[in-house]
Amino acid sequence: MLAAVQSADLSAAKNVFVAAIRFATTIEESRPSFGDELKASAQEQVDYMLREDADTSLVAGSEDVISEILSGCGTSFRRWIC
């Protein structure tokens, strides 16, 4: 029972981390008026999870997280050089 709860917690942590990374690294011109605040909040969430959340270290190496990081960095880099 405890293993199932821990697995669900890690899955939830991974999903939150991936979503925060995705939103924190978006570069869209047409965001709602509160989009900048949401992006800043997502960036703060990523920072918190990397520094304070013990579960993040357990999921940071997962394929989903790595893929999202590479995608976000790639998009930012392509936008920067173009």
N, C-alpha and C. Protein backbone atom coordinates (compact mmCIF):
# COMPACT_ATOMS: atom_id res chain seq x y z
N MET A 1 0.82 -1.19 0.00
CA MET A 1 0.00 0.00 0.00
C MET A 1 0.87 1.25 0.00
N LEU A 2 1.88 1.30 0.86
CA LEU A 2 2.75 2.47 0.94
C LEU A 2 3.51 2.68 -0.37
N ALA A 3 3.92 1.60 -1.02
CA ALA A 3 4.64 1.72 -2.29
C ALA A 3 3.74 2.34 -3.36
N ALA A 4 2.48 2.00 -3.36
CA ALA A 4 1.54 2.57 -4.34
C ALA A 4 1.35 4.06 -4.09
N VAL A 5 1.28 4.46 -2.84
CA VAL A 5 1.12 5.88 -2.50
C VAL A 5 2.38 6.64 -2.90
N GLN A 6 3.55 6.09 -2.62
CA GLN A 6 4.80 6.75 -2.99
C GLN A 6 4.92 6.86 -4.51
N SER A 7 4.50 5.83 -5.22
CA SER A 7 4.54 5.85 -6.68
C SER A 7 3.61 6.94 -7.22
N ALA A 8 2.43 7.07 -6.63
CA ALA A 8 1.49 8.10 -7.06
C ALA A 8 2.05 9.49 -6.75
N ASP A 9 2.71 9.64 -5.61
CA ASP A 9 3.32 10.92 -5.26
C ASP A 9 4.41 11.29 -6.26
N LEU A 10 5.24 10.33 -6.64
CA LEU A 10 6.30 10.60 -7.60
C LEU A 10 5.73 10.93 -8.97
N SER A 11 4.68 10.24 -9.34
CA SER A 11 4.03 10.52 -10.62
C SER A 11 3.45 11.94 -10.62
N ALA A 12 2.83 12.32 -9.54
CA ALA A 12 2.27 13.67 -9.42
C ALA A 12 3.39 14.71 -9.44
N ALA A 13 4.47 14.45 -8.74
CA ALA A 13 5.61 15.38 -8.72
C ALA A 13 6.18 15.54 -10.12
N LYS A 14 6.30 14.43 -10.84
CA LYS A 14 6.83 14.49 -12.21
C LYS A 14 5.90 15.29 -13.10
N ASN A 15 4.60 15.06 -12.99
CA ASN A 15 3.64 15.78 -13.82
C ASN A 15 3.66 17.28 -13.54
N VAL A 16 3.74 17.66 -12.28
CA VAL A 16 3.81 19.08 -11.92
C VAL A 16 5.12 19.68 -12.44
N PHE A 17 6.21 18.97 -12.28
CA PHE A 17 7.51 19.46 -12.72
C PHE A 17 7.54 19.66 -14.23
N VAL A 18 7.04 18.68 -14.97
CA VAL A 18 7.01 18.78 -16.43
C VAL A 18 6.12 19.95 -16.87
N ALA A 19 4.96 20.08 -16.26
CA ALA A 19 4.07 21.18 -16.62
C ALA A 19 4.70 22.53 -16.30
N ALA A 20 5.36 22.63 -15.17
CA ALA A 20 6.01 23.89 -14.79
C ALA A 20 7.15 24.22 -15.76
N ILE A 21 7.93 23.23 -16.14
CA ILE A 21 9.01 23.45 -17.10
C ILE A 21 8.42 23.89 -18.43
N ARG A 22 7.39 23.21 -18.88
CA ARG A 22 6.75 23.53 -20.16
C ARG A 22 6.27 24.98 -20.17
N PHE A 23 5.58 25.38 -19.14
CA PHE A 23 5.04 26.73 -19.12
C PHE A 23 6.14 27.77 -18.89
N ALA A 24 7.13 27.44 -18.07
CA ALA A 24 8.22 28.38 -17.78
C ALA A 24 9.08 28.66 -19.00
N THR A 25 9.14 27.72 -19.93
CA THR A 25 9.99 27.89 -21.11
C THR A 25 9.22 28.25 -22.36
N THR A 26 7.93 28.51 -22.25
CA THR A 26 7.16 28.88 -23.44
C THR A 26 7.55 30.28 -23.90
N ILE A 27 7.54 30.43 -25.20
CA ILE A 27 7.79 31.74 -25.80
C ILE A 27 6.66 31.96 -26.80
N GLU A 28 5.62 32.58 -26.34
CA GLU A 28 4.49 32.86 -27.20
C GLU A 28 4.18 34.34 -27.14
N GLU A 29 3.90 34.88 -28.29
CA GLU A 29 3.58 36.30 -28.35
C GLU A 29 2.16 36.57 -27.86
N SER A 30 1.25 35.65 -28.14
CA SER A 30 -0.16 35.88 -27.80
C SER A 30 -0.52 35.11 -26.53
N ARG A 31 -0.26 35.73 -25.40
CA ARG A 31 -0.63 35.16 -24.11
C ARG A 31 -1.74 36.01 -23.53
N PRO A 32 -2.53 35.42 -22.68
CA PRO A 32 -3.53 36.26 -21.99
C PRO A 32 -2.82 37.30 -21.13
N SER A 33 -3.56 38.31 -20.72
CA SER A 33 -2.95 39.41 -19.97
C SER A 33 -2.25 38.95 -18.70
N PHE A 34 -2.66 37.84 -18.14
CA PHE A 34 -2.02 37.31 -16.93
C PHE A 34 -0.93 36.30 -17.26
N GLY A 35 -0.60 36.14 -18.53
CA GLY A 35 0.38 35.15 -18.95
C GLY A 35 1.76 35.36 -18.37
N ASP A 36 2.19 36.63 -18.27
CA ASP A 36 3.51 36.90 -17.70
C ASP A 36 3.57 36.49 -16.23
N GLU A 37 2.49 36.72 -15.50
CA GLU A 37 2.44 36.32 -14.09
C GLU A 37 2.47 34.81 -13.96
N LEU A 38 1.75 34.11 -14.84
CA LEU A 38 1.74 32.64 -14.80
C LEU A 38 3.11 32.09 -15.15
N LYS A 39 3.77 32.69 -16.13
CA LYS A 39 5.10 32.22 -16.51
C LYS A 39 6.08 32.43 -15.35
N ALA A 40 6.02 33.59 -14.70
CA ALA A 40 6.89 33.85 -13.55
C ALA A 40 6.60 32.86 -12.43
N SER A 41 5.33 32.55 -12.22
CA SER A 41 4.95 31.59 -11.20
C SER A 41 5.49 30.20 -11.54
N ALA A 42 5.42 29.82 -12.81
CA ALA A 42 5.95 28.52 -13.23
C ALA A 42 7.46 28.47 -13.04
N GLN A 43 8.14 29.57 -13.34
CA GLN A 43 9.59 29.62 -13.14
C GLN A 43 9.94 29.49 -11.66
N GLU A 44 9.15 30.13 -10.81
CA GLU A 44 9.36 30.01 -9.36
C GLU A 44 9.11 28.59 -8.90
N GLN A 45 8.09 27.94 -9.48
CA GLN A 45 7.78 26.55 -9.12
C GLN A 45 8.94 25.63 -9.49
N VAL A 46 9.50 25.82 -10.68
CA VAL A 46 10.65 25.01 -11.10
C VAL A 46 11.82 25.24 -10.15
N ASP A 47 12.09 26.50 -9.83
CA ASP A 47 13.18 26.83 -8.91
C ASP A 47 12.97 26.16 -7.55
N TYR A 48 11.76 26.27 -7.03
CA TYR A 48 11.46 25.64 -5.73
C TYR A 48 11.66 24.13 -5.81
N MET A 49 11.12 23.52 -6.85
CA MET A 49 11.21 22.06 -6.95
C MET A 49 12.66 21.60 -7.07
N LEU A 50 13.47 22.35 -7.78
CA LEU A 50 14.88 21.97 -7.91
C LEU A 50 15.65 22.14 -6.62
N ARG A 51 15.29 23.15 -5.82
CA ARG A 51 16.05 23.44 -4.61
C ARG A 51 15.51 22.76 -3.36
N GLU A 52 14.19 22.63 -3.26
CA GLU A 52 13.57 22.25 -1.99
C GLU A 52 12.83 20.91 -1.98
N ASP A 53 12.31 20.48 -3.11
CA ASP A 53 11.43 19.32 -3.14
C ASP A 53 12.23 18.03 -3.30
N ALA A 54 12.18 17.18 -2.32
CA ALA A 54 12.94 15.92 -2.34
C ALA A 54 12.49 14.99 -3.46
N ASP A 55 11.21 15.01 -3.81
CA ASP A 55 10.71 14.13 -4.86
C ASP A 55 11.26 14.49 -6.23
N THR A 56 11.57 15.76 -6.44
CA THR A 56 12.06 16.20 -7.75
C THR A 56 13.35 15.50 -8.11
N SER A 57 14.24 15.32 -7.16
CA SER A 57 15.50 14.65 -7.46
C SER A 57 15.27 13.20 -7.91
N LEU A 58 14.17 12.63 -7.48
CA LEU A 58 13.86 11.24 -7.87
C LEU A 58 13.28 11.15 -9.28
N VAL A 59 12.69 12.24 -9.78
CA VAL A 59 12.05 12.20 -11.10
C VAL A 59 12.79 13.04 -12.14
N ALA A 60 13.79 13.81 -11.73
CA ALA A 60 14.47 14.72 -12.65
C ALA A 60 15.14 14.00 -13.81
N GLY A 61 15.54 12.78 -13.63
CA GLY A 61 16.20 12.03 -14.69
C GLY A 61 15.28 11.23 -15.58
N SER A 62 13.98 11.35 -15.37
CA SER A 62 13.04 10.57 -16.18
C SER A 62 13.02 11.10 -17.61
N GLU A 63 12.66 10.24 -18.54
CA GLU A 63 12.62 10.61 -19.96
C GLU A 63 11.70 11.80 -20.21
N ASP A 64 10.55 11.82 -19.54
CA ASP A 64 9.60 12.91 -19.74
C ASP A 64 10.21 14.25 -19.35
N VAL A 65 10.87 14.28 -18.22
CA VAL A 65 11.47 15.53 -17.73
C VAL A 65 12.61 15.97 -18.64
N ILE A 66 13.48 15.06 -18.99
CA ILE A 66 14.61 15.39 -19.86
C ILE A 66 14.11 15.87 -21.22
N SER A 67 13.12 15.20 -21.76
CA SER A 67 12.55 15.59 -23.05
C SER A 67 11.98 17.00 -22.99
N GLU A 68 11.27 17.32 -21.93
CA GLU A 68 10.67 18.65 -21.79
C GLU A 68 11.75 19.72 -21.63
N ILE A 69 12.79 19.42 -20.89
CA ILE A 69 13.89 20.38 -20.74
C ILE A 69 14.57 20.63 -22.08
N LEU A 70 14.87 19.57 -22.81
CA LEU A 70 15.51 19.72 -24.11
C LEU A 70 14.63 20.48 -25.09
N SER A 71 13.35 20.19 -25.06
CA SER A 71 12.41 20.89 -25.94
C SER A 71 12.35 22.38 -25.61
N GLY A 72 12.22 22.70 -24.34
CA GLY A 72 12.17 24.10 -23.93
C GLY A 72 13.44 24.85 -24.24
N CYS A 73 14.57 24.22 -23.98
CA CYS A 73 15.86 24.86 -24.28
C CYS A 73 16.04 25.02 -25.78
N GLY A 74 15.66 24.01 -26.54
CA GLY A 74 15.77 24.08 -28.00
C GLY A 74 14.92 25.19 -28.58
N THR A 75 13.70 25.31 -28.09
CA THR A 75 12.80 26.37 -28.56
C THR A 75 13.37 27.74 -28.21
N SER A 76 13.85 27.89 -27.00
CA SER A 76 14.43 29.17 -26.58
C SER A 76 15.66 29.50 -27.43
N PHE A 77 16.49 28.53 -27.66
CA PHE A 77 17.71 28.76 -28.45
C PHE A 77 17.37 29.12 -29.87
N ARG A 78 16.45 28.40 -30.49
CA ARG A 78 16.06 28.70 -31.87
C ARG A 78 15.48 30.10 -31.98
N ARG A 79 14.69 30.47 -31.00
CA ARG A 79 14.08 31.81 -30.98
C ARG A 79 15.15 32.89 -30.82
N TRP A 80 16.16 32.59 -30.02
CA TRP A 80 17.21 33.54 -29.74
C TRP A 80 18.10 33.79 -30.97
N ILE A 81 18.42 32.72 -31.74
CA ILE A 81 19.33 32.87 -32.87
C ILE A 81 18.63 33.35 -34.14
N CYS A 82 17.34 33.28 -34.19
CA CYS A 82 16.61 33.70 -35.40
C CYS A 82 16.27 35.16 -35.39
